[in-house]
């Protein structure tokens, strides 16, 4: 355990950020799975939700910006093939 007050605060902040990031990453992965599993008209709605989450994750550094762009590109190709 940290002896310095500021180190203890950093630990608390890191713990809080870790749980939030884990939640956001889990939501993102679930949205990506829904796009891949979707059929029919549900594909467009699932894709829109996934793109929104990917953009947000890229902005907040939950995943790298280029990783978000790459996943969006691959999903767009998949959605186009499903039509």
N, C-alpha and C. Protein backbone atom coordinates (compact mmCIF):
# COMPACT_ATOMS: atom_id res chain seq x y z
N UNK A 1 0.83 -1.18 0.00
CA UNK A 1 0.00 0.00 0.00
C UNK A 1 0.88 1.25 0.00
N UNK A 2 0.42 2.26 -0.70
CA UNK A 2 1.22 3.50 -0.77
C UNK A 2 1.20 4.24 0.57
N UNK A 3 2.33 4.85 0.87
CA UNK A 3 2.44 5.64 2.09
C UNK A 3 2.14 7.10 1.82
N UNK A 4 2.25 7.51 0.58
CA UNK A 4 2.07 8.91 0.21
C UNK A 4 0.62 9.12 -0.24
N UNK A 5 0.06 10.22 0.21
CA UNK A 5 -1.35 10.50 -0.06
C UNK A 5 -1.65 10.58 -1.56
N UNK A 6 -0.76 11.22 -2.31
CA UNK A 6 -0.99 11.36 -3.74
C UNK A 6 -0.91 10.01 -4.46
N UNK A 7 -0.07 9.11 -3.98
CA UNK A 7 0.03 7.78 -4.58
C UNK A 7 -1.24 6.98 -4.31
N UNK A 8 -1.81 7.16 -3.12
CA UNK A 8 -3.06 6.48 -2.80
C UNK A 8 -4.18 6.99 -3.70
N UNK A 9 -4.19 8.30 -3.95
CA UNK A 9 -5.21 8.87 -4.83
C UNK A 9 -5.05 8.34 -6.25
N UNK A 10 -3.81 8.25 -6.73
CA UNK A 10 -3.57 7.72 -8.07
C UNK A 10 -4.07 6.28 -8.18
N UNK A 11 -3.89 5.50 -7.12
CA UNK A 11 -4.38 4.12 -7.12
C UNK A 11 -5.90 4.09 -7.24
N UNK A 12 -6.57 4.96 -6.48
CA UNK A 12 -8.04 5.02 -6.54
C UNK A 12 -8.49 5.41 -7.94
N UNK A 13 -7.84 6.42 -8.51
CA UNK A 13 -8.22 6.87 -9.84
C UNK A 13 -7.98 5.78 -10.88
N UNK A 14 -6.86 5.09 -10.78
CA UNK A 14 -6.54 4.02 -11.74
C UNK A 14 -7.57 2.91 -11.64
N UNK A 15 -7.97 2.56 -10.43
CA UNK A 15 -8.97 1.50 -10.23
C UNK A 15 -10.30 1.90 -10.86
N UNK A 16 -10.71 3.15 -10.66
CA UNK A 16 -11.97 3.63 -11.22
C UNK A 16 -11.91 3.63 -12.74
N UNK A 17 -10.81 4.12 -13.31
CA UNK A 17 -10.67 4.16 -14.77
C UNK A 17 -10.65 2.76 -15.36
N UNK A 18 -9.99 1.84 -14.68
CA UNK A 18 -9.90 0.46 -15.16
C UNK A 18 -11.28 -0.16 -15.27
N UNK A 19 -12.11 0.04 -14.26
CA UNK A 19 -13.46 -0.55 -14.31
C UNK A 19 -14.28 0.08 -15.41
N UNK A 20 -14.17 1.40 -15.58
CA UNK A 20 -14.92 2.06 -16.65
C UNK A 20 -14.45 1.59 -18.02
N UNK A 21 -13.13 1.52 -18.21
CA UNK A 21 -12.60 1.08 -19.50
C UNK A 21 -13.01 -0.35 -19.80
N UNK A 22 -13.00 -1.20 -18.79
CA UNK A 22 -13.41 -2.59 -18.98
C UNK A 22 -14.87 -2.67 -19.41
N UNK A 23 -15.71 -1.84 -18.80
CA UNK A 23 -17.13 -1.80 -19.16
C UNK A 23 -17.32 -1.35 -20.60
N UNK A 24 -16.64 -0.28 -20.98
CA UNK A 24 -16.77 0.24 -22.35
C UNK A 24 -16.25 -0.76 -23.37
N UNK A 25 -15.13 -1.40 -23.07
CA UNK A 25 -14.56 -2.39 -24.00
C UNK A 25 -15.50 -3.58 -24.16
N UNK A 26 -16.14 -3.98 -23.07
CA UNK A 26 -17.08 -5.10 -23.12
C UNK A 26 -18.30 -4.74 -23.97
N UNK A 27 -18.82 -3.54 -23.79
CA UNK A 27 -19.96 -3.07 -24.61
C UNK A 27 -19.58 -3.05 -26.08
N UNK A 28 -18.38 -2.60 -26.36
CA UNK A 28 -17.91 -2.51 -27.74
C UNK A 28 -17.83 -3.90 -28.37
N UNK A 29 -17.25 -4.85 -27.66
CA UNK A 29 -17.12 -6.20 -28.18
C UNK A 29 -18.48 -6.84 -28.42
N UNK A 30 -19.42 -6.59 -27.51
CA UNK A 30 -20.78 -7.11 -27.68
C UNK A 30 -21.43 -6.53 -28.92
N UNK A 31 -21.25 -5.23 -29.15
CA UNK A 31 -21.82 -4.58 -30.32
C UNK A 31 -21.23 -5.16 -31.61
N UNK A 32 -19.93 -5.44 -31.61
CA UNK A 32 -19.28 -6.02 -32.79
C UNK A 32 -19.83 -7.41 -33.06
N UNK A 33 -20.04 -8.19 -32.02
CA UNK A 33 -20.60 -9.53 -32.18
C UNK A 33 -22.03 -9.46 -32.74
N UNK A 34 -22.80 -8.47 -32.28
CA UNK A 34 -24.17 -8.33 -32.78
C UNK A 34 -24.20 -8.01 -34.27
N UNK A 35 -23.24 -7.20 -34.73
CA UNK A 35 -23.18 -6.88 -36.17
C UNK A 35 -22.88 -8.14 -36.96
N UNK A 36 -21.93 -8.92 -36.48
CA UNK A 36 -21.54 -10.13 -37.22
C UNK A 36 -22.66 -11.16 -37.23
N UNK A 37 -23.46 -11.21 -36.17
CA UNK A 37 -24.52 -12.20 -36.07
C UNK A 37 -25.83 -11.73 -36.70
N UNK A 38 -25.97 -10.43 -36.96
CA UNK A 38 -27.23 -9.87 -37.44
C UNK A 38 -27.52 -10.30 -38.88
N UNK A 39 -28.81 -10.38 -39.17
CA UNK A 39 -29.25 -10.68 -40.53
C UNK A 39 -30.40 -9.75 -40.88
N UNK A 40 -30.64 -9.60 -42.15
CA UNK A 40 -31.76 -8.79 -42.61
C UNK A 40 -31.59 -7.31 -42.33
N UNK A 41 -32.69 -6.69 -41.90
CA UNK A 41 -32.67 -5.25 -41.67
C UNK A 41 -31.99 -4.88 -40.36
N UNK A 42 -31.76 -5.84 -39.49
CA UNK A 42 -31.11 -5.56 -38.21
C UNK A 42 -29.63 -5.23 -38.38
N UNK A 43 -29.07 -5.57 -39.55
CA UNK A 43 -27.64 -5.34 -39.78
C UNK A 43 -27.33 -3.85 -39.73
N UNK A 44 -28.15 -3.04 -40.37
CA UNK A 44 -27.90 -1.59 -40.43
C UNK A 44 -27.92 -0.95 -39.05
N UNK A 45 -28.91 -1.32 -38.23
CA UNK A 45 -29.02 -0.75 -36.89
C UNK A 45 -27.84 -1.19 -36.02
N UNK A 46 -27.48 -2.45 -36.11
CA UNK A 46 -26.35 -2.95 -35.33
C UNK A 46 -25.05 -2.29 -35.77
N UNK A 47 -24.91 -2.08 -37.07
CA UNK A 47 -23.71 -1.44 -37.60
C UNK A 47 -23.62 0.01 -37.11
N UNK A 48 -24.73 0.73 -37.13
CA UNK A 48 -24.73 2.12 -36.68
C UNK A 48 -24.32 2.22 -35.21
N UNK A 49 -24.83 1.31 -34.38
CA UNK A 49 -24.49 1.31 -32.97
C UNK A 49 -23.01 0.99 -32.77
N UNK A 50 -22.50 0.02 -33.52
CA UNK A 50 -21.10 -0.37 -33.39
C UNK A 50 -20.18 0.76 -33.81
N UNK A 51 -20.53 1.46 -34.88
CA UNK A 51 -19.70 2.58 -35.35
C UNK A 51 -19.65 3.67 -34.30
N UNK A 52 -20.79 3.94 -33.68
CA UNK A 52 -20.83 4.97 -32.64
C UNK A 52 -19.91 4.59 -31.48
N UNK A 53 -19.98 3.33 -31.05
CA UNK A 53 -19.14 2.89 -29.95
C UNK A 53 -17.66 2.86 -30.33
N UNK A 54 -17.36 2.46 -31.58
CA UNK A 54 -15.97 2.45 -32.03
C UNK A 54 -15.39 3.86 -32.05
N UNK A 55 -16.17 4.82 -32.55
CA UNK A 55 -15.70 6.21 -32.59
C UNK A 55 -15.41 6.72 -31.18
N UNK A 56 -16.33 6.44 -30.27
CA UNK A 56 -16.15 6.91 -28.90
C UNK A 56 -14.93 6.24 -28.26
N UNK A 57 -14.76 4.95 -28.47
CA UNK A 57 -13.63 4.23 -27.89
C UNK A 57 -12.31 4.76 -28.45
N UNK A 58 -12.29 5.11 -29.73
CA UNK A 58 -11.09 5.68 -30.33
C UNK A 58 -10.76 7.05 -29.76
N UNK A 59 -11.78 7.85 -29.53
CA UNK A 59 -11.56 9.18 -28.98
C UNK A 59 -11.07 9.12 -27.53
N UNK A 60 -11.60 8.18 -26.78
CA UNK A 60 -11.28 8.08 -25.36
C UNK A 60 -10.06 7.20 -25.08
N UNK A 61 -9.38 6.76 -26.14
CA UNK A 61 -8.18 5.91 -26.01
C UNK A 61 -8.45 4.59 -25.31
N UNK A 62 -9.67 4.09 -25.43
CA UNK A 62 -9.96 2.75 -24.93
C UNK A 62 -9.34 1.75 -25.89
N UNK A 63 -9.43 2.06 -27.19
CA UNK A 63 -8.67 1.36 -28.21
C UNK A 63 -7.99 2.43 -29.06
N UNK A 64 -6.99 2.04 -29.82
CA UNK A 64 -6.27 2.99 -30.65
C UNK A 64 -7.17 3.50 -31.77
N UNK A 65 -6.99 4.75 -32.18
CA UNK A 65 -7.80 5.34 -33.24
C UNK A 65 -7.74 4.53 -34.52
N UNK A 66 -6.54 4.09 -34.88
CA UNK A 66 -6.40 3.32 -36.12
C UNK A 66 -7.06 1.95 -36.00
N UNK A 67 -7.06 1.37 -34.82
CA UNK A 67 -7.74 0.09 -34.62
C UNK A 67 -9.24 0.28 -34.79
N UNK A 68 -9.76 1.39 -34.29
CA UNK A 68 -11.19 1.68 -34.46
C UNK A 68 -11.52 1.86 -35.94
N UNK A 69 -10.68 2.59 -36.65
CA UNK A 69 -10.91 2.81 -38.09
C UNK A 69 -10.85 1.49 -38.86
N UNK A 70 -9.91 0.64 -38.49
CA UNK A 70 -9.76 -0.65 -39.17
C UNK A 70 -10.99 -1.52 -38.94
N UNK A 71 -11.48 -1.55 -37.71
CA UNK A 71 -12.65 -2.36 -37.41
C UNK A 71 -13.90 -1.82 -38.11
N UNK A 72 -14.02 -0.49 -38.17
CA UNK A 72 -15.15 0.11 -38.88
C UNK A 72 -15.12 -0.27 -40.36
N UNK A 73 -13.93 -0.24 -40.95
CA UNK A 73 -13.78 -0.58 -42.36
C UNK A 73 -14.17 -2.04 -42.61
N UNK A 74 -13.71 -2.92 -41.76
CA UNK A 74 -14.02 -4.34 -41.92
C UNK A 74 -15.50 -4.61 -41.71
N UNK A 75 -16.11 -3.91 -40.76
CA UNK A 75 -17.54 -4.08 -40.54
C UNK A 75 -18.34 -3.56 -41.73
N UNK A 76 -17.91 -2.45 -42.30
CA UNK A 76 -18.60 -1.89 -43.46
C UNK A 76 -18.56 -2.88 -44.63
N UNK A 77 -17.42 -3.49 -44.82
CA UNK A 77 -17.29 -4.50 -45.88
C UNK A 77 -18.22 -5.68 -45.62
N UNK A 78 -18.30 -6.10 -44.37
CA UNK A 78 -19.16 -7.22 -43.99
C UNK A 78 -20.64 -6.87 -44.21
N UNK A 79 -21.03 -5.66 -43.81
CA UNK A 79 -22.41 -5.23 -43.97
C UNK A 79 -22.78 -5.15 -45.45
N UNK A 80 -21.85 -4.65 -46.26
CA UNK A 80 -22.11 -4.57 -47.71
C UNK A 80 -22.27 -5.96 -48.31
N UNK A 81 -21.51 -6.92 -47.81
CA UNK A 81 -21.62 -8.28 -48.33
C UNK A 81 -22.92 -8.95 -47.92
N UNK A 82 -23.45 -8.55 -46.76
CA UNK A 82 -24.71 -9.16 -46.27
C UNK A 82 -25.92 -8.63 -47.01
N UNK A 83 -25.79 -7.52 -47.70
CA UNK A 83 -26.95 -6.94 -48.41
C UNK A 83 -27.28 -7.71 -49.65
